[in-house]
Amino acid sequence: MQNHRNGQSATYHLSGETLYLSDSFVIATVDEILRELFKELRKYPHPFLRINLDEIQRLDSAGVVILNSIRKEMQQKGVSVEIEGGSDSVQQILDTFTIEKSRPHKEQQRPYLLEWIGEGAYSLFAHSLKNFFFLMSDIFYWSVVDFFRRKTYRRGEFINQSVLIGVNAVPIVGAMAFLIGLVLALQSTAQLRQFGANRFLVDLVVIAMMREMGPLITAIIVAGRSGSAIASEVATMKITEELDGLTTMSLDPVRFVVIPKMYASIFTMPFLTILADILGIAGGMVIAFFYMDITPRAFLNRMEDVLYFRDIVTGLIKSLVFSTIIVVTGSYFGFRAARGAEEVGKVTTAAVVLAISLVIVADSILGLMFY
């Protein structure tokens, strides 16, 4: 089909899955062929259409509009469209009027197993771990620097965060520690009674709570309670562009948001750990009295013999390491949040899972170091 006007013509030819456009596709020539062209394209039976521009001599904005209309018309029918060929002048016209050139239709291959593992490892070491250590270095730097610059503190924020992270966690930490000490002693009585080793129940409960269970249970509870709050708060601030506002005002978001939480966590975690140790031992003392006939006085006397100062120090050192892990992990995932409210839930869940995992790994490493 072609149209002649003023010595110019617009011609098209449909062969198989290829539509060949020829001659001049300009405003003076395209109007007469549009009806026949679109009528023929509506009957097009194939799932893919290639538009070839190699034989076009002239093209203007009207011709580009026609190409765009053909592409949209066919895509509404579920037909994939690819525009190919054309001289340099034709390509320049296409680029000038920003028509979207379709790419060849290719099936996306699923990556091989080794390729998938390699990409994951590269992303982990090149991006995730790098950003994690950069954030950790920023937090440690400002934690040390701000400790000697008291005039730069946010007034009242340390107390506020101490209440949120430490004081408000006292009921749940205390209740869980008491129950764990009680269950630990209860499960041990049956075995110790068989060997007449009743007094060693005190050794088991005291050492286990001081060295392991007290710091670990406290860290897990704080990671689930306060670590999730830190991640969700930072993520919400990023999504609502509050962090960008702080940067605009020449305020470092890490220094302004994270450092008060770090101070509060380091300050309150040892006290929560001591509370968990005391209540866990109290739970063991209850079981010792009712099931093993060990009086509270005998329990405390035995406790003086088996408890050493290094056991207390070990638990406190663990609590400081765990508190740092919780704040850094929650902050890291909060800063990673992308646009969208659903990201808050995702980063919060990821922060809690990783924080608890890192706490357990750190506990294992510290346990090997101190024993």
Protein backbone atom coordinates (compact mmCIF):
# COMPACT_ATOMS: atom_id res chain seq x y z
CA MET A 1 0.00 0.00 0.00
CA GLN A 2 1.32 3.46 -0.86
CA ASN A 3 0.19 7.08 -0.98
CA HIS A 4 1.53 9.70 -3.45
CA ARG A 5 1.39 13.38 -2.62
CA ASN A 6 3.65 16.15 -3.97
CA GLY A 7 5.96 13.57 -5.48
CA GLN A 8 6.35 11.81 -2.12
CA SER A 9 4.96 8.48 -1.00
CA ALA A 10 4.53 6.36 2.15
CA THR A 11 4.61 2.64 1.58
CA TYR A 12 4.28 -0.39 3.82
CA HIS A 13 4.49 -4.12 3.26
CA LEU A 14 3.66 -6.85 5.80
CA SER A 15 5.54 -10.10 5.29
CA GLY A 16 5.27 -12.79 7.95
CA GLU A 17 6.23 -11.23 11.27
CA THR A 18 7.92 -8.19 9.71
CA LEU A 19 6.34 -4.87 8.73
CA TYR A 20 8.47 -3.02 6.17
CA LEU A 21 8.00 0.76 6.00
CA SER A 22 9.37 2.57 2.96
CA ASP A 23 9.87 5.99 1.40
CA SER A 24 8.65 9.13 3.24
CA PHE A 25 6.82 8.82 6.53
CA VAL A 26 6.07 12.49 7.06
CA ILE A 27 2.95 14.46 7.89
CA ALA A 28 2.09 15.02 4.21
CA THR A 29 2.02 11.30 3.30
CA VAL A 30 1.03 9.13 6.26
CA ASP A 31 -2.61 10.17 6.69
CA GLU A 32 -3.90 8.27 3.65
CA ILE A 33 -2.42 4.89 4.61
CA LEU A 34 -3.28 4.90 8.32
CA ARG A 35 -6.75 3.40 7.98
CA GLU A 36 -5.62 0.50 5.78
CA LEU A 37 -2.49 -0.07 7.87
CA PHE A 38 -4.31 -0.32 11.20
CA LYS A 39 -7.11 -2.37 9.59
CA GLU A 40 -4.54 -4.91 8.46
CA LEU A 41 -2.71 -4.90 11.79
CA ARG A 42 -5.91 -5.65 13.70
CA LYS A 43 -6.02 -8.99 11.87
CA TYR A 44 -2.37 -9.72 12.67
CA PRO A 45 -2.20 -13.36 13.95
CA HIS A 46 1.34 -13.65 15.31
CA PRO A 47 2.60 -12.95 18.88
CA PHE A 48 5.59 -10.94 17.67
CA LEU A 49 5.95 -8.04 15.20
CA ARG A 50 9.19 -6.59 13.84
CA ILE A 51 9.02 -3.11 12.26
CA ASN A 52 11.84 -2.58 9.76
CA LEU A 53 12.89 1.01 8.94
CA ASP A 54 15.76 0.30 6.52
CA GLU A 55 13.87 1.61 3.46
CA ILE A 56 12.55 4.84 5.02
CA GLN A 57 13.98 7.90 3.27
CA ARG A 58 12.38 10.62 5.38
CA LEU A 59 10.85 10.67 8.86
CA ASP A 60 9.39 13.49 10.93
CA SER A 61 7.50 13.81 14.21
CA ALA A 62 4.25 12.66 12.59
CA GLY A 63 5.94 9.48 11.42
CA VAL A 64 7.32 8.89 14.92
CA VAL A 65 3.81 9.30 16.33
CA ILE A 66 2.56 6.66 13.87
CA LEU A 67 5.28 4.24 14.95
CA ASN A 68 4.41 4.82 18.56
CA SER A 69 0.71 4.28 17.84
CA ILE A 70 1.44 1.01 16.04
CA ARG A 71 3.52 -0.20 18.97
CA LYS A 72 0.83 0.64 21.54
CA GLU A 73 -1.95 -0.84 19.40
CA MET A 74 -0.12 -4.14 19.05
CA GLN A 75 0.95 -4.31 22.70
CA GLN A 76 -2.70 -3.95 23.75
CA LYS A 77 -3.35 -7.10 21.70
CA GLY A 78 -0.52 -8.86 23.52
CA VAL A 79 1.87 -8.67 20.59
CA SER A 80 5.53 -7.92 21.33
CA VAL A 81 6.95 -5.20 19.04
CA GLU A 82 10.54 -4.60 17.99
CA ILE A 83 11.66 -1.58 15.96
CA GLU A 84 14.83 -2.23 14.00
CA GLY A 85 17.01 -0.73 11.27
CA GLY A 86 16.98 2.75 9.85
CA SER A 87 19.68 5.15 8.70
CA ASP A 88 21.55 7.47 11.03
CA SER A 89 19.21 10.35 10.22
CA VAL A 90 16.17 8.19 10.97
CA GLN A 91 17.71 7.04 14.27
CA GLN A 92 18.42 10.66 15.18
CA ILE A 93 14.75 11.55 14.58
CA LEU A 94 13.68 8.61 16.75
CA ASP A 95 16.03 9.68 19.56
CA THR A 96 14.92 13.31 19.27
CA PHE A 97 11.25 12.46 19.78
CA THR A 98 12.09 9.85 22.45
CA ILE A 99 10.18 6.92 21.07
CA GLU A 100 10.80 3.85 23.15
CA LYS A 101 12.63 1.33 21.00
CA SER A 102 11.70 -2.20 21.91
CA ARG A 103 14.42 -4.72 22.53
CA PRO A 104 14.49 -8.09 20.84
CA HIS A 105 12.31 -10.64 22.53
CA LYS A 106 14.51 -13.03 24.46
CA GLU A 107 13.63 -15.58 27.05
CA GLN A 108 15.27 -14.86 30.36
CA GLN A 109 17.42 -17.75 31.48
CA ARG A 110 17.53 -18.77 35.09
CA PRO A 111 21.06 -18.49 36.50
CA TYR A 112 23.00 -21.66 37.16
CA LEU A 113 23.54 -22.74 40.75
CA LEU A 114 27.20 -21.75 40.87
CA GLU A 115 26.39 -18.43 39.20
CA TRP A 116 23.67 -17.76 41.77
CA ILE A 117 26.04 -18.63 44.63
CA GLY A 118 28.78 -16.44 43.15
CA GLU A 119 26.48 -13.45 42.75
CA GLY A 120 25.23 -13.87 46.30
CA ALA A 121 28.73 -14.10 47.71
CA TYR A 122 29.90 -11.08 45.73
CA SER A 123 26.92 -9.03 46.88
CA LEU A 124 27.53 -10.10 50.48
CA PHE A 125 31.21 -9.17 50.57
CA ALA A 126 31.18 -6.21 48.17
CA HIS A 127 28.09 -4.45 49.48
CA SER A 128 26.48 -5.82 52.63
CA LEU A 129 29.59 -6.48 54.73
CA LYS A 130 31.31 -3.34 53.48
CA ASN A 131 28.37 -1.13 54.43
CA PHE A 132 28.01 -2.95 57.75
CA PHE A 133 31.63 -2.31 58.72
CA PHE A 134 31.47 1.29 57.52
CA LEU A 135 28.43 1.89 59.72
CA MET A 136 30.13 0.13 62.62
CA SER A 137 33.21 2.33 62.26
CA ASP A 138 31.04 5.48 62.19
CA ILE A 139 29.20 4.40 65.31
CA PHE A 140 32.38 3.58 67.22
CA TYR A 141 34.04 6.82 66.13
CA TRP A 142 31.17 9.06 67.22
CA SER A 143 30.65 7.02 70.39
CA VAL A 144 34.21 7.83 71.46
CA VAL A 145 34.26 11.43 70.19
CA ASP A 146 30.90 12.45 71.66
CA PHE A 147 31.87 11.01 75.03
CA PHE A 148 34.32 13.91 75.39
CA ARG A 149 32.06 16.53 73.81
CA ARG A 150 29.29 16.88 76.32
CA LYS A 151 28.07 20.18 74.84
CA THR A 152 26.96 18.40 71.68
CA TYR A 153 24.66 15.95 73.48
CA ARG A 154 20.95 15.96 72.75
CA ARG A 155 19.64 16.96 76.15
CA GLY A 156 17.48 14.30 77.75
CA GLU A 157 17.85 11.81 74.88
CA PHE A 158 20.18 9.50 76.82
CA ILE A 159 17.68 9.23 79.68
CA ASN A 160 14.81 8.76 77.25
CA GLN A 161 16.58 5.94 75.42
CA SER A 162 17.70 4.36 78.70
CA VAL A 163 14.08 4.19 79.79
CA LEU A 164 12.92 2.75 76.47
CA ILE A 165 15.70 0.18 76.13
CA GLY A 166 16.44 -0.68 79.76
CA VAL A 167 13.77 0.31 82.28
CA ASN A 168 10.79 -0.77 80.18
CA ALA A 169 12.43 -4.15 79.58
CA VAL A 170 12.77 -4.96 83.30
CA PRO A 171 9.43 -6.82 83.70
CA ILE A 172 9.87 -9.16 80.74
CA VAL A 173 13.57 -9.78 81.39
CA GLY A 174 12.93 -10.47 85.08
CA ALA A 175 10.01 -12.81 84.43
CA MET A 176 11.81 -14.78 81.74
CA ALA A 177 15.03 -15.09 83.76
CA PHE A 178 13.15 -16.35 86.82
CA LEU A 179 11.27 -18.96 84.77
CA ILE A 180 14.41 -20.11 82.96
CA GLY A 181 16.32 -20.50 86.24
CA LEU A 182 13.36 -22.40 87.67
CA VAL A 183 13.07 -24.75 84.67
CA LEU A 184 16.85 -25.24 84.50
CA ALA A 185 16.93 -26.37 88.12
CA LEU A 186 13.78 -28.48 87.75
CA GLN A 187 15.17 -30.42 84.79
CA SER A 188 18.47 -31.00 86.60
CA THR A 189 17.06 -32.32 89.87
CA ALA A 190 16.00 -35.68 88.46
CA GLN A 191 19.48 -36.42 87.17
CA LEU A 192 21.40 -35.14 90.18
CA ARG A 193 19.21 -37.00 92.66
CA GLN A 194 20.14 -40.33 91.09
CA PHE A 195 23.77 -39.80 92.09
CA GLY A 196 23.10 -38.13 95.44
CA ALA A 197 24.65 -34.93 94.12
CA ASN A 198 21.99 -32.56 95.41
CA ARG A 199 24.42 -29.83 96.35
CA PHE A 200 25.76 -29.59 92.81
CA LEU A 201 22.43 -28.16 91.74
CA VAL A 202 23.67 -24.87 93.21
CA ASP A 203 26.83 -25.03 91.12
CA LEU A 204 24.88 -25.72 87.95
CA VAL A 205 22.31 -22.94 88.38
CA VAL A 206 24.71 -20.26 89.61
CA ILE A 207 27.45 -20.81 87.03
CA ALA A 208 25.02 -21.33 84.15
CA MET A 209 23.07 -18.15 84.94
CA MET A 210 26.12 -15.99 85.56
CA ARG A 211 28.21 -17.10 82.62
CA GLU A 212 25.69 -18.04 79.93
CA MET A 213 21.98 -17.92 80.47
CA GLY A 214 21.71 -14.52 82.13
CA PRO A 215 23.55 -12.49 79.45
CA LEU A 216 22.22 -14.58 76.56
CA ILE A 217 18.55 -14.51 77.52
CA THR A 218 18.75 -10.78 78.27
CA ALA A 219 20.34 -10.10 74.88
CA ILE A 220 17.76 -12.17 73.00
CA ILE A 221 14.88 -10.38 74.72
CA VAL A 222 16.40 -6.95 74.13
CA ALA A 223 17.14 -7.85 70.49
CA GLY A 224 13.53 -8.81 69.93
CA ARG A 225 12.13 -5.87 71.83
CA SER A 226 14.52 -2.94 71.45
CA GLY A 227 16.43 -4.09 68.35
CA SER A 228 13.21 -4.20 66.37
CA ALA A 229 12.24 -0.76 67.69
CA ILE A 230 15.60 0.70 66.61
CA ALA A 231 15.34 -0.79 63.12
CA SER A 232 11.75 0.35 62.59
CA GLU A 233 12.45 3.86 63.92
CA VAL A 234 15.47 4.42 61.67
CA ALA A 235 13.69 2.86 58.66
CA THR A 236 10.65 5.10 59.18
CA MET A 237 12.88 8.16 59.45
CA LYS A 238 14.56 7.23 56.18
CA ILE A 239 11.32 6.55 54.30
CA THR A 240 9.79 9.82 55.51
CA GLU A 241 13.04 11.61 54.54
CA GLU A 242 13.76 12.78 58.07
CA LEU A 243 17.32 11.50 57.71
CA ASP A 244 17.69 13.58 54.54
CA GLY A 245 16.46 16.56 56.52
CA LEU A 246 19.12 15.98 59.17
CA THR A 247 21.79 15.80 56.46
CA THR A 248 20.48 19.04 54.95
CA MET A 249 20.91 20.71 58.34
CA SER A 250 24.52 19.43 58.50
CA LEU A 251 23.65 16.88 61.18
CA ASP A 252 25.12 13.40 60.89
CA PRO A 253 22.17 10.92 61.08
CA VAL A 254 24.38 8.31 62.76
CA ARG A 255 25.52 10.77 65.40
CA PHE A 256 22.08 12.28 65.93
CA VAL A 257 19.96 9.11 65.94
CA VAL A 258 22.14 6.09 66.72
CA ILE A 259 24.70 7.28 69.27
CA PRO A 260 22.17 8.02 72.08
CA LYS A 261 20.81 4.51 71.60
CA MET A 262 24.31 3.07 71.77
CA TYR A 263 25.07 4.88 75.04
CA ALA A 264 21.74 3.84 76.56
CA SER A 265 22.18 0.21 75.50
CA ILE A 266 25.73 -0.05 76.86
CA PHE A 267 24.65 1.57 80.10
CA THR A 268 21.49 -0.47 80.76
CA MET A 269 22.42 -3.95 79.49
CA PRO A 270 24.80 -4.79 82.37
CA PHE A 271 22.07 -3.87 84.89
CA LEU A 272 19.52 -5.98 83.03
CA THR A 273 22.01 -8.85 82.97
CA ILE A 274 22.63 -8.60 86.72
CA LEU A 275 18.86 -8.54 87.29
CA ALA A 276 18.46 -11.63 85.11
CA ASP A 277 21.27 -13.41 87.00
CA ILE A 278 19.71 -12.68 90.40
CA LEU A 279 16.17 -13.70 89.41
CA GLY A 280 17.40 -16.79 87.57
CA ILE A 281 19.31 -17.90 90.66
CA ALA A 282 16.22 -17.14 92.75
CA GLY A 283 14.19 -19.44 90.50
CA GLY A 284 16.77 -22.19 91.00
CA MET A 285 16.68 -21.57 94.75
CA VAL A 286 12.91 -22.15 94.78
CA ILE A 287 13.29 -25.54 93.08
CA ALA A 288 16.22 -26.44 95.33
CA PHE A 289 14.12 -25.76 98.42
CA PHE A 290 10.97 -27.63 97.38
CA TYR A 291 12.50 -30.55 95.44
CA MET A 292 16.02 -31.02 96.80
CA ASP A 293 15.50 -29.99 100.45
CA ILE A 294 18.23 -27.36 100.17
CA THR A 295 17.43 -24.41 102.41
CA PRO A 296 18.04 -20.85 101.18
CA ARG A 297 20.88 -20.46 103.72
CA ALA A 298 22.58 -23.66 102.51
CA PHE A 299 22.04 -22.51 98.90
CA LEU A 300 23.69 -19.13 99.55
CA ASN A 301 26.58 -20.71 101.46
CA ARG A 302 27.29 -23.07 98.60
CA MET A 303 26.93 -20.18 96.17
CA GLU A 304 29.74 -18.30 97.95
CA ASP A 305 32.05 -21.27 97.42
CA VAL A 306 31.38 -21.82 93.68
CA LEU A 307 30.91 -18.28 92.39
CA TYR A 308 34.08 -16.46 91.37
CA PHE A 309 34.62 -12.86 90.41
CA ARG A 310 35.61 -13.86 86.86
CA ASP A 311 32.18 -15.42 86.38
CA ILE A 312 30.54 -12.06 87.07
CA VAL A 313 32.99 -10.20 84.85
CA THR A 314 32.46 -12.71 82.03
CA GLY A 315 28.72 -12.11 82.08
CA LEU A 316 29.14 -8.32 82.12
CA ILE A 317 31.61 -8.34 79.22
CA LYS A 318 29.19 -10.46 77.21
CA SER A 319 26.37 -8.04 77.93
CA LEU A 320 28.42 -5.11 76.59
CA VAL A 321 29.28 -7.01 73.39
CA PHE A 322 25.67 -8.08 72.91
CA SER A 323 24.35 -4.54 73.41
CA THR A 324 26.72 -3.25 70.72
CA ILE A 325 25.65 -5.98 68.29
CA ILE A 326 21.96 -5.21 68.81
CA VAL A 327 22.28 -1.46 68.19
CA VAL A 328 24.61 -1.80 65.18
CA THR A 329 22.45 -4.47 63.54
CA GLY A 330 19.19 -2.60 64.09
CA SER A 331 20.69 0.64 62.76
CA TYR A 332 22.22 -1.09 59.74
CA PHE A 333 18.94 -2.57 58.57
CA GLY A 334 17.11 0.67 59.33
CA PHE A 335 19.45 2.63 57.06
CA ARG A 336 19.00 -0.01 54.33
CA ALA A 337 15.25 0.55 54.06
CA ALA A 338 14.11 1.54 50.57
CA ARG A 339 11.10 3.58 49.59
CA GLY A 340 7.78 2.15 50.72
CA ALA A 341 6.07 1.47 54.04
CA GLU A 342 6.30 -2.30 53.63
CA GLU A 343 10.09 -2.02 53.89
CA VAL A 344 9.75 -1.15 57.58
CA GLY A 345 8.39 -4.59 58.38
CA LYS A 346 10.96 -6.34 56.22
CA VAL A 347 14.00 -4.62 57.69
CA THR A 348 12.64 -5.00 61.22
CA THR A 349 12.25 -8.76 60.80
CA ALA A 350 15.70 -9.08 59.21
CA ALA A 351 17.28 -6.99 61.97
CA VAL A 352 15.83 -9.14 64.77
CA VAL A 353 16.79 -12.43 63.08
CA LEU A 354 20.36 -11.35 62.35
CA ALA A 355 20.84 -9.71 65.76
CA ILE A 356 19.81 -12.88 67.60
CA SER A 357 22.01 -14.98 65.32
CA LEU A 358 25.03 -12.73 65.85
CA VAL A 359 24.42 -12.70 69.61
CA ILE A 360 24.51 -16.51 69.71
CA VAL A 361 27.65 -16.63 67.55
CA ALA A 362 29.34 -14.00 69.73
CA ASP A 363 28.34 -15.93 72.85
CA SER A 364 29.98 -19.05 71.45
CA ILE A 365 33.19 -17.19 70.60
CA LEU A 366 33.38 -15.45 73.97
CA GLY A 367 32.64 -18.72 75.72
CA LEU A 368 35.63 -20.33 74.00
CA MET A 369 37.81 -17.35 74.89
CA PHE A 370 36.94 -17.25 78.59
CA TYR A 371 36.91 -20.94 79.41
